[in-house]
mmCIF file of all heavy atoms, coordinates in Angstrom:
data_MODEL
# 
_entry.id   MODEL 
# 
loop_
_atom_site.group_PDB 
_atom_site.id 
_atom_site.type_symbol 
_atom_site.label_atom_id 
_atom_site.label_alt_id 
_atom_site.label_comp_id 
_atom_site.label_asym_id 
_atom_site.label_entity_id 
_atom_site.label_seq_id 
_atom_site.pdbx_PDB_ins_code 
_atom_site.Cartn_x 
_atom_site.Cartn_y 
_atom_site.Cartn_z 
_atom_site.occupancy 
_atom_site.B_iso_or_equiv 
_atom_site.pdbx_formal_charge 
_atom_site.auth_seq_id 
_atom_site.auth_comp_id 
_atom_site.auth_asym_id 
_atom_site.auth_atom_id 
_atom_site.pdbx_PDB_model_num 
ATOM 1   N N   . ILE A 1 1  ? -6.165  -46.095 45.381 1.00 0.00 ? 1  ILE A N   1 
ATOM 2   C CA  . ILE A 1 1  ? -6.619  -47.449 45.732 1.00 0.00 ? 1  ILE A CA  1 
ATOM 3   C C   . ILE A 1 1  ? -7.763  -47.372 46.733 1.00 0.00 ? 1  ILE A C   1 
ATOM 4   O O   . ILE A 1 1  ? -8.754  -48.108 46.630 1.00 0.00 ? 1  ILE A O   1 
ATOM 5   C CB  . ILE A 1 1  ? -5.432  -48.273 46.297 1.00 0.00 ? 1  ILE A CB  1 
ATOM 6   C CG1 . ILE A 1 1  ? -4.390  -48.513 45.201 1.00 0.00 ? 1  ILE A CG1 1 
ATOM 7   C CG2 . ILE A 1 1  ? -5.920  -49.603 46.867 1.00 0.00 ? 1  ILE A CG2 1 
ATOM 8   C CD1 . ILE A 1 1  ? -3.066  -49.049 45.718 1.00 0.00 ? 1  ILE A CD1 1 
ATOM 9   N N   . GLU A 1 2  ? -7.646  -46.448 47.674 1.00 0.00 ? 2  GLU A N   1 
ATOM 10  C CA  . GLU A 1 2  ? -8.688  -46.327 48.698 1.00 0.00 ? 2  GLU A CA  1 
ATOM 11  C C   . GLU A 1 2  ? -10.025 -45.877 48.111 1.00 0.00 ? 2  GLU A C   1 
ATOM 12  O O   . GLU A 1 2  ? -11.091 -46.222 48.649 1.00 0.00 ? 2  GLU A O   1 
ATOM 13  C CB  . GLU A 1 2  ? -8.234  -45.357 49.796 1.00 0.00 ? 2  GLU A CB  1 
ATOM 14  C CG  . GLU A 1 2  ? -9.141  -45.377 51.014 1.00 0.00 ? 2  GLU A CG  1 
ATOM 15  C CD  . GLU A 1 2  ? -8.507  -44.771 52.249 1.00 0.00 ? 2  GLU A CD  1 
ATOM 16  O OE1 . GLU A 1 2  ? -7.277  -44.585 52.253 1.00 0.00 ? 2  GLU A OE1 1 
ATOM 17  O OE2 . GLU A 1 2  ? -9.247  -44.479 53.192 1.00 0.00 ? 2  GLU A OE2 1 
ATOM 18  N N   . ILE A 1 3  ? -9.985  -45.137 46.997 1.00 0.00 ? 3  ILE A N   1 
ATOM 19  C CA  . ILE A 1 3  ? -11.253 -44.691 46.408 1.00 0.00 ? 3  ILE A CA  1 
ATOM 20  C C   . ILE A 1 3  ? -11.723 -45.589 45.273 1.00 0.00 ? 3  ILE A C   1 
ATOM 21  O O   . ILE A 1 3  ? -12.674 -45.252 44.567 1.00 0.00 ? 3  ILE A O   1 
ATOM 22  C CB  . ILE A 1 3  ? -11.175 -43.221 45.936 1.00 0.00 ? 3  ILE A CB  1 
ATOM 23  C CG1 . ILE A 1 3  ? -10.089 -43.040 44.865 1.00 0.00 ? 3  ILE A CG1 1 
ATOM 24  C CG2 . ILE A 1 3  ? -10.960 -42.294 47.122 1.00 0.00 ? 3  ILE A CG2 1 
ATOM 25  C CD1 . ILE A 1 3  ? -10.018 -41.622 44.297 1.00 0.00 ? 3  ILE A CD1 1 
ATOM 26  N N   . GLY A 1 4  ? -11.028 -46.742 45.072 1.00 0.00 ? 4  GLY A N   1 
ATOM 27  C CA  . GLY A 1 4  ? -11.614 -47.735 44.191 1.00 0.00 ? 4  GLY A CA  1 
ATOM 28  C C   . GLY A 1 4  ? -10.779 -48.304 43.067 1.00 0.00 ? 4  GLY A C   1 
ATOM 29  O O   . GLY A 1 4  ? -11.171 -49.291 42.447 1.00 0.00 ? 4  GLY A O   1 
ATOM 30  N N   . PHE A 1 5  ? -9.618  -47.732 42.772 1.00 0.00 ? 5  PHE A N   1 
ATOM 31  C CA  . PHE A 1 5  ? -8.802  -48.254 41.680 1.00 0.00 ? 5  PHE A CA  1 
ATOM 32  C C   . PHE A 1 5  ? -7.902  -49.395 42.152 1.00 0.00 ? 5  PHE A C   1 
ATOM 33  O O   . PHE A 1 5  ? -7.475  -49.431 43.308 1.00 0.00 ? 5  PHE A O   1 
ATOM 34  C CB  . PHE A 1 5  ? -7.920  -47.158 41.083 1.00 0.00 ? 5  PHE A CB  1 
ATOM 35  C CG  . PHE A 1 5  ? -8.660  -46.168 40.240 1.00 0.00 ? 5  PHE A CG  1 
ATOM 36  C CD1 . PHE A 1 5  ? -8.895  -44.886 40.711 1.00 0.00 ? 5  PHE A CD1 1 
ATOM 37  C CD2 . PHE A 1 5  ? -9.123  -46.513 38.982 1.00 0.00 ? 5  PHE A CD2 1 
ATOM 38  C CE1 . PHE A 1 5  ? -9.583  -43.963 39.942 1.00 0.00 ? 5  PHE A CE1 1 
ATOM 39  C CE2 . PHE A 1 5  ? -9.810  -45.595 38.201 1.00 0.00 ? 5  PHE A CE2 1 
ATOM 40  C CZ  . PHE A 1 5  ? -10.053 -44.321 38.684 1.00 0.00 ? 5  PHE A CZ  1 
ATOM 41  N N   . GLY A 1 6  ? -7.583  -50.301 41.228 1.00 0.00 ? 6  GLY A N   1 
ATOM 42  C CA  . GLY A 1 6  ? -6.561  -51.299 41.495 1.00 0.00 ? 6  GLY A CA  1 
ATOM 43  C C   . GLY A 1 6  ? -5.199  -50.633 41.507 1.00 0.00 ? 6  GLY A C   1 
ATOM 44  O O   . GLY A 1 6  ? -5.014  -49.538 40.968 1.00 0.00 ? 6  GLY A O   1 
ATOM 45  N N   . ALA A 1 7  ? -4.216  -51.320 42.110 1.00 0.00 ? 7  ALA A N   1 
ATOM 46  C CA  . ALA A 1 7  ? -2.890  -50.724 42.275 1.00 0.00 ? 7  ALA A CA  1 
ATOM 47  C C   . ALA A 1 7  ? -2.249  -50.355 40.940 1.00 0.00 ? 7  ALA A C   1 
ATOM 48  O O   . ALA A 1 7  ? -1.677  -49.262 40.789 1.00 0.00 ? 7  ALA A O   1 
ATOM 49  C CB  . ALA A 1 7  ? -1.993  -51.685 43.051 1.00 0.00 ? 7  ALA A CB  1 
ATOM 50  N N   . GLU A 1 8  ? -2.342  -51.238 39.952 1.00 0.00 ? 8  GLU A N   1 
ATOM 51  C CA  . GLU A 1 8  ? -1.702  -50.979 38.663 1.00 0.00 ? 8  GLU A CA  1 
ATOM 52  C C   . GLU A 1 8  ? -2.322  -49.773 37.970 1.00 0.00 ? 8  GLU A C   1 
ATOM 53  O O   . GLU A 1 8  ? -1.614  -48.908 37.437 1.00 0.00 ? 8  GLU A O   1 
ATOM 54  C CB  . GLU A 1 8  ? -1.812  -52.231 37.776 1.00 0.00 ? 8  GLU A CB  1 
ATOM 55  C CG  . GLU A 1 8  ? -1.056  -52.100 36.468 1.00 0.00 ? 8  GLU A CG  1 
ATOM 56  C CD  . GLU A 1 8  ? -1.089  -53.388 35.662 1.00 0.00 ? 8  GLU A CD  1 
ATOM 57  O OE1 . GLU A 1 8  ? -1.481  -54.437 36.206 1.00 0.00 ? 8  GLU A OE1 1 
ATOM 58  O OE2 . GLU A 1 8  ? -0.703  -53.344 34.479 1.00 0.00 ? 8  GLU A OE2 1 
ATOM 59  N N   . MET A 1 9  ? -3.650  -49.700 37.977 1.00 0.00 ? 9  MET A N   1 
ATOM 60  C CA  . MET A 1 9  ? -4.333  -48.579 37.340 1.00 0.00 ? 9  MET A CA  1 
ATOM 61  C C   . MET A 1 9  ? -4.071  -47.274 38.093 1.00 0.00 ? 9  MET A C   1 
ATOM 62  O O   . MET A 1 9  ? -3.866  -46.226 37.478 1.00 0.00 ? 9  MET A O   1 
ATOM 63  C CB  . MET A 1 9  ? -5.835  -48.843 37.272 1.00 0.00 ? 9  MET A CB  1 
ATOM 64  C CG  . MET A 1 9  ? -6.627  -47.756 36.527 1.00 0.00 ? 9  MET A CG  1 
ATOM 65  S SD  . MET A 1 9  ? -6.143  -47.591 34.794 1.00 0.00 ? 9  MET A SD  1 
ATOM 66  C CE  . MET A 1 9  ? -6.870  -49.098 34.108 1.00 0.00 ? 9  MET A CE  1 
ATOM 67  N N   . ALA A 1 10 ? -4.059  -47.334 39.426 1.00 0.00 ? 10 ALA A N   1 
ATOM 68  C CA  . ALA A 1 10 ? -3.782  -46.136 40.216 1.00 0.00 ? 10 ALA A CA  1 
ATOM 69  C C   . ALA A 1 10 ? -2.381  -45.610 39.925 1.00 0.00 ? 10 ALA A C   1 
ATOM 70  O O   . ALA A 1 10 ? -2.160  -44.392 39.830 1.00 0.00 ? 10 ALA A O   1 
ATOM 71  C CB  . ALA A 1 10 ? -3.931  -46.450 41.706 1.00 0.00 ? 10 ALA A CB  1 
ATOM 72  N N   . GLN A 1 11 ? -1.418  -46.533 39.764 1.00 0.00 ? 11 GLN A N   1 
ATOM 73  C CA  . GLN A 1 11 ? -0.046  -46.120 39.458 1.00 0.00 ? 11 GLN A CA  1 
ATOM 74  C C   . GLN A 1 11 ? 0.020   -45.439 38.105 1.00 0.00 ? 11 GLN A C   1 
ATOM 75  O O   . GLN A 1 11 ? 0.648   -44.382 37.949 1.00 0.00 ? 11 GLN A O   1 
ATOM 76  C CB  . GLN A 1 11 ? 0.889   -47.326 39.481 1.00 0.00 ? 11 GLN A CB  1 
ATOM 77  C CG  . GLN A 1 11 ? 2.328   -46.991 39.087 1.00 0.00 ? 11 GLN A CG  1 
ATOM 78  C CD  . GLN A 1 11 ? 3.268   -48.166 39.297 1.00 0.00 ? 11 GLN A CD  1 
ATOM 79  O OE1 . GLN A 1 11 ? 3.260   -48.794 40.345 1.00 0.00 ? 11 GLN A OE1 1 
ATOM 80  N NE2 . GLN A 1 11 ? 4.090   -48.444 38.299 1.00 0.00 ? 11 GLN A NE2 1 
ATOM 81  N N   . PHE A 1 12 ? -0.623  -46.034 37.100 1.00 0.00 ? 12 PHE A N   1 
ATOM 82  C CA  . PHE A 1 12 ? -0.586  -45.461 35.753 1.00 0.00 ? 12 PHE A CA  1 
ATOM 83  C C   . PHE A 1 12 ? -1.231  -44.075 35.715 1.00 0.00 ? 12 PHE A C   1 
ATOM 84  O O   . PHE A 1 12 ? -0.672  -43.125 35.165 1.00 0.00 ? 12 PHE A O   1 
ATOM 85  C CB  . PHE A 1 12 ? -1.282  -46.388 34.757 1.00 0.00 ? 12 PHE A CB  1 
ATOM 86  C CG  . PHE A 1 12 ? -1.415  -45.786 33.385 1.00 0.00 ? 12 PHE A CG  1 
ATOM 87  C CD1 . PHE A 1 12 ? -0.322  -45.683 32.548 1.00 0.00 ? 12 PHE A CD1 1 
ATOM 88  C CD2 . PHE A 1 12 ? -2.644  -45.296 32.938 1.00 0.00 ? 12 PHE A CD2 1 
ATOM 89  C CE1 . PHE A 1 12 ? -0.430  -45.105 31.290 1.00 0.00 ? 12 PHE A CE1 1 
ATOM 90  C CE2 . PHE A 1 12 ? -2.769  -44.712 31.687 1.00 0.00 ? 12 PHE A CE2 1 
ATOM 91  C CZ  . PHE A 1 12 ? -1.648  -44.622 30.859 1.00 0.00 ? 12 PHE A CZ  1 
ATOM 92  N N   . ILE A 1 13 ? -2.422  -43.952 36.303 1.00 0.00 ? 13 ILE A N   1 
ATOM 93  C CA  . ILE A 1 13 ? -3.128  -42.670 36.285 1.00 0.00 ? 13 ILE A CA  1 
ATOM 94  C C   . ILE A 1 13 ? -2.320  -41.595 36.999 1.00 0.00 ? 13 ILE A C   1 
ATOM 95  O O   . ILE A 1 13 ? -2.166  -40.473 36.508 1.00 0.00 ? 13 ILE A O   1 
ATOM 96  C CB  . ILE A 1 13 ? -4.532  -42.818 36.932 1.00 0.00 ? 13 ILE A CB  1 
ATOM 97  C CG1 . ILE A 1 13 ? -5.428  -43.689 36.056 1.00 0.00 ? 13 ILE A CG1 1 
ATOM 98  C CG2 . ILE A 1 13 ? -5.165  -41.444 37.156 1.00 0.00 ? 13 ILE A CG2 1 
ATOM 99  C CD1 . ILE A 1 13 ? -6.767  -44.026 36.691 1.00 0.00 ? 13 ILE A CD1 1 
ATOM 100 N N   . THR A 1 14 ? -1.756  -41.939 38.148 1.00 0.00 ? 14 THR A N   1 
ATOM 101 C CA  . THR A 1 14 ? -0.987  -40.963 38.916 1.00 0.00 ? 14 THR A CA  1 
ATOM 102 C C   . THR A 1 14 ? 0.275   -40.545 38.171 1.00 0.00 ? 14 THR A C   1 
ATOM 103 O O   . THR A 1 14 ? 0.582   -39.348 38.062 1.00 0.00 ? 14 THR A O   1 
ATOM 104 C CB  . THR A 1 14 ? -0.608  -41.541 40.290 1.00 0.00 ? 14 THR A CB  1 
ATOM 105 O OG1 . THR A 1 14 ? -1.791  -41.925 40.982 1.00 0.00 ? 14 THR A OG1 1 
ATOM 106 C CG2 . THR A 1 14 ? 0.149   -40.517 41.118 1.00 0.00 ? 14 THR A CG2 1 
ATOM 107 N N   . ALA A 1 15 ? 1.018   -41.515 37.655 1.00 0.00 ? 15 ALA A N   1 
ATOM 108 C CA  . ALA A 1 15 ? 2.275   -41.204 36.973 1.00 0.00 ? 15 ALA A CA  1 
ATOM 109 C C   . ALA A 1 15 ? 2.038   -40.360 35.722 1.00 0.00 ? 15 ALA A C   1 
ATOM 110 O O   . ALA A 1 15 ? 2.755   -39.380 35.473 1.00 0.00 ? 15 ALA A O   1 
ATOM 111 C CB  . ALA A 1 15 ? 3.009   -42.492 36.616 1.00 0.00 ? 15 ALA A CB  1 
ATOM 112 N N   . GLN A 1 16 ? 1.041   -40.715 34.937 1.00 0.00 ? 16 GLN A N   1 
ATOM 113 C CA  . GLN A 1 16 ? 0.753   -39.940 33.730 1.00 0.00 ? 16 GLN A CA  1 
ATOM 114 C C   . GLN A 1 16 ? 0.263   -38.540 34.078 1.00 0.00 ? 16 GLN A C   1 
ATOM 115 O O   . GLN A 1 16 ? 0.582   -37.561 33.397 1.00 0.00 ? 16 GLN A O   1 
ATOM 116 C CB  . GLN A 1 16 ? -0.283  -40.659 32.866 1.00 0.00 ? 16 GLN A CB  1 
ATOM 117 C CG  . GLN A 1 16 ? -0.635  -39.933 31.569 1.00 0.00 ? 16 GLN A CG  1 
ATOM 118 C CD  . GLN A 1 16 ? 0.553   -39.731 30.644 1.00 0.00 ? 16 GLN A CD  1 
ATOM 119 O OE1 . GLN A 1 16 ? 1.438   -40.592 30.541 1.00 0.00 ? 16 GLN A OE1 1 
ATOM 120 N NE2 . GLN A 1 16 ? 0.597   -38.585 29.969 1.00 0.00 ? 16 GLN A NE2 1 
ATOM 121 N N   . THR A 1 17 ? -0.487  -38.417 35.155 1.00 0.00 ? 17 THR A N   1 
ATOM 122 C CA  . THR A 1 17 ? -0.963  -37.107 35.597 1.00 0.00 ? 17 THR A CA  1 
ATOM 123 C C   . THR A 1 17 ? 0.195   -36.221 36.023 1.00 0.00 ? 17 THR A C   1 
ATOM 124 O O   . THR A 1 17 ? 0.247   -35.028 35.693 1.00 0.00 ? 17 THR A O   1 
ATOM 125 C CB  . THR A 1 17 ? -1.977  -37.261 36.749 1.00 0.00 ? 17 THR A CB  1 
ATOM 126 O OG1 . THR A 1 17 ? -3.081  -38.047 36.289 1.00 0.00 ? 17 THR A OG1 1 
ATOM 127 C CG2 . THR A 1 17 ? -2.495  -35.908 37.216 1.00 0.00 ? 17 THR A CG2 1 
ATOM 128 N N   . VAL A 1 18 ? 1.141   -36.789 36.772 1.00 0.00 ? 18 VAL A N   1 
ATOM 129 C CA  . VAL A 1 18 ? 2.324   -36.030 37.183 1.00 0.00 ? 18 VAL A CA  1 
ATOM 130 C C   . VAL A 1 18 ? 3.146   -35.622 35.961 1.00 0.00 ? 18 VAL A C   1 
ATOM 131 O O   . VAL A 1 18 ? 3.635   -34.490 35.870 1.00 0.00 ? 18 VAL A O   1 
ATOM 132 C CB  . VAL A 1 18 ? 3.177   -36.836 38.174 1.00 0.00 ? 18 VAL A CB  1 
ATOM 133 C CG1 . VAL A 1 18 ? 4.522   -36.156 38.428 1.00 0.00 ? 18 VAL A CG1 1 
ATOM 134 C CG2 . VAL A 1 18 ? 2.431   -37.025 39.483 1.00 0.00 ? 18 VAL A CG2 1 
ATOM 135 N N   . LYS A 1 19 ? 3.280   -36.526 35.010 1.00 0.00 ? 19 LYS A N   1 
ATOM 136 C CA  . LYS A 1 19 ? 4.004   -36.200 33.776 1.00 0.00 ? 19 LYS A CA  1 
ATOM 137 C C   . LYS A 1 19 ? 3.332   -35.037 33.055 1.00 0.00 ? 19 LYS A C   1 
ATOM 138 O O   . LYS A 1 19 ? 3.999   -34.107 32.577 1.00 0.00 ? 19 LYS A O   1 
ATOM 139 C CB  . LYS A 1 19 ? 4.058   -37.427 32.860 1.00 0.00 ? 19 LYS A CB  1 
ATOM 140 C CG  . LYS A 1 19 ? 4.851   -37.207 31.574 1.00 0.00 ? 19 LYS A CG  1 
ATOM 141 C CD  . LYS A 1 19 ? 4.872   -38.471 30.727 1.00 0.00 ? 19 LYS A CD  1 
ATOM 142 C CE  . LYS A 1 19 ? 5.655   -38.249 29.445 1.00 0.00 ? 19 LYS A CE  1 
ATOM 143 N NZ  . LYS A 1 19 ? 5.646   -39.455 28.572 1.00 0.00 ? 19 LYS A NZ  1 
ATOM 144 N N   . GLY A 1 20 ? 1.994   -35.059 32.985 1.00 0.00 ? 20 GLY A N   1 
ATOM 145 C CA  . GLY A 1 20 ? 1.267   -33.968 32.355 1.00 0.00 ? 20 GLY A CA  1 
ATOM 146 C C   . GLY A 1 20 ? 1.459   -32.655 33.088 1.00 0.00 ? 20 GLY A C   1 
ATOM 147 O O   . GLY A 1 20 ? 1.620   -31.592 32.472 1.00 0.00 ? 20 GLY A O   1 
ATOM 148 N N   . ALA A 1 21 ? 1.462   -32.707 34.427 1.00 0.00 ? 21 ALA A N   1 
ATOM 149 C CA  . ALA A 1 21 ? 1.642   -31.491 35.223 1.00 0.00 ? 21 ALA A CA  1 
ATOM 150 C C   . ALA A 1 21 ? 3.011   -30.864 34.972 1.00 0.00 ? 21 ALA A C   1 
ATOM 151 O O   . ALA A 1 21 ? 3.140   -29.636 34.835 1.00 0.00 ? 21 ALA A O   1 
ATOM 152 C CB  . ALA A 1 21 ? 1.470   -31.817 36.710 1.00 0.00 ? 21 ALA A CB  1 
ATOM 153 N N   . THR A 1 22 ? 4.052   -31.696 34.906 1.00 0.00 ? 22 THR A N   1 
ATOM 154 C CA  . THR A 1 22 ? 5.391   -31.162 34.664 1.00 0.00 ? 22 THR A CA  1 
ATOM 155 C C   . THR A 1 22 ? 5.486   -30.551 33.277 1.00 0.00 ? 22 THR A C   1 
ATOM 156 O O   . THR A 1 22 ? 6.128   -29.502 33.093 1.00 0.00 ? 22 THR A O   1 
ATOM 157 C CB  . THR A 1 22 ? 6.466   -32.252 34.828 1.00 0.00 ? 22 THR A CB  1 
ATOM 158 O OG1 . THR A 1 22 ? 6.238   -33.313 33.894 1.00 0.00 ? 22 THR A OG1 1 
ATOM 159 C CG2 . THR A 1 22 ? 6.471   -32.810 36.229 1.00 0.00 ? 22 THR A CG2 1 
ATOM 160 N N   . GLU A 1 23 ? 4.853   -31.174 32.287 1.00 0.00 ? 23 GLU A N   1 
ATOM 161 C CA  . GLU A 1 23 ? 4.898   -30.624 30.933 1.00 0.00 ? 23 GLU A CA  1 
ATOM 162 C C   . GLU A 1 23 ? 4.165   -29.291 30.844 1.00 0.00 ? 23 GLU A C   1 
ATOM 163 O O   . GLU A 1 23 ? 4.570   -28.393 30.093 1.00 0.00 ? 23 GLU A O   1 
ATOM 164 C CB  . GLU A 1 23 ? 4.317   -31.624 29.927 1.00 0.00 ? 23 GLU A CB  1 
ATOM 165 C CG  . GLU A 1 23 ? 5.226   -32.818 29.654 1.00 0.00 ? 23 GLU A CG  1 
ATOM 166 C CD  . GLU A 1 23 ? 6.581   -32.404 29.091 1.00 0.00 ? 23 GLU A CD  1 
ATOM 167 O OE1 . GLU A 1 23 ? 6.627   -31.490 28.232 1.00 0.00 ? 23 GLU A OE1 1 
ATOM 168 O OE2 . GLU A 1 23 ? 7.601   -32.976 29.527 1.00 0.00 ? 23 GLU A OE2 1 
ATOM 169 N N   . LEU A 1 24 ? 3.069   -29.138 31.611 1.00 0.00 ? 24 LEU A N   1 
ATOM 170 C CA  . LEU A 1 24 ? 2.371   -27.848 31.637 1.00 0.00 ? 24 LEU A CA  1 
ATOM 171 C C   . LEU A 1 24 ? 3.304   -26.734 32.100 1.00 0.00 ? 24 LEU A C   1 
ATOM 172 O O   . LEU A 1 24 ? 3.311   -25.639 31.535 1.00 0.00 ? 24 LEU A O   1 
ATOM 173 C CB  . LEU A 1 24 ? 1.154   -27.920 32.577 1.00 0.00 ? 24 LEU A CB  1 
ATOM 174 C CG  . LEU A 1 24 ? -0.088  -28.626 32.053 1.00 0.00 ? 24 LEU A CG  1 
ATOM 175 C CD1 . LEU A 1 24 ? -1.121  -28.764 33.168 1.00 0.00 ? 24 LEU A CD1 1 
ATOM 176 C CD2 . LEU A 1 24 ? -0.693  -27.872 30.869 1.00 0.00 ? 24 LEU A CD2 1 
ATOM 177 N N   . VAL A 1 25 ? 4.100   -27.011 33.120 1.00 0.00 ? 25 VAL A N   1 
ATOM 178 C CA  . VAL A 1 25 ? 5.024   -26.008 33.644 1.00 0.00 ? 25 VAL A CA  1 
ATOM 179 C C   . VAL A 1 25 ? 6.199   -25.791 32.693 1.00 0.00 ? 25 VAL A C   1 
ATOM 180 O O   . VAL A 1 25 ? 6.569   -24.649 32.378 1.00 0.00 ? 25 VAL A O   1 
ATOM 181 C CB  . VAL A 1 25 ? 5.528   -26.420 35.044 1.00 0.00 ? 25 VAL A CB  1 
ATOM 182 C CG1 . VAL A 1 25 ? 6.615   -25.468 35.526 1.00 0.00 ? 25 VAL A CG1 1 
ATOM 183 C CG2 . VAL A 1 25 ? 4.375   -26.437 36.041 1.00 0.00 ? 25 VAL A CG2 1 
ATOM 184 N N   . LEU A 1 26 ? 6.785   -26.890 32.195 1.00 0.00 ? 26 LEU A N   1 
ATOM 185 C CA  . LEU A 1 26 ? 7.967   -26.784 31.344 1.00 0.00 ? 26 LEU A CA  1 
ATOM 186 C C   . LEU A 1 26 ? 7.654   -26.112 30.011 1.00 0.00 ? 26 LEU A C   1 
ATOM 187 O O   . LEU A 1 26 ? 8.423   -25.280 29.517 1.00 0.00 ? 26 LEU A O   1 
ATOM 188 C CB  . LEU A 1 26 ? 8.572   -28.171 31.104 1.00 0.00 ? 26 LEU A CB  1 
ATOM 189 C CG  . LEU A 1 26 ? 9.266   -28.822 32.291 1.00 0.00 ? 26 LEU A CG  1 
ATOM 190 C CD1 . LEU A 1 26 ? 9.622   -30.265 31.977 1.00 0.00 ? 26 LEU A CD1 1 
ATOM 191 C CD2 . LEU A 1 26 ? 10.511  -28.042 32.690 1.00 0.00 ? 26 LEU A CD2 1 
# 
């Protein structure tokens, strides 16, 4: 949010990124 995204978009991008990171490891 501080670097320019709205709260909803920041949540989606972050959550999907974390999901991708876990799948890379798993």
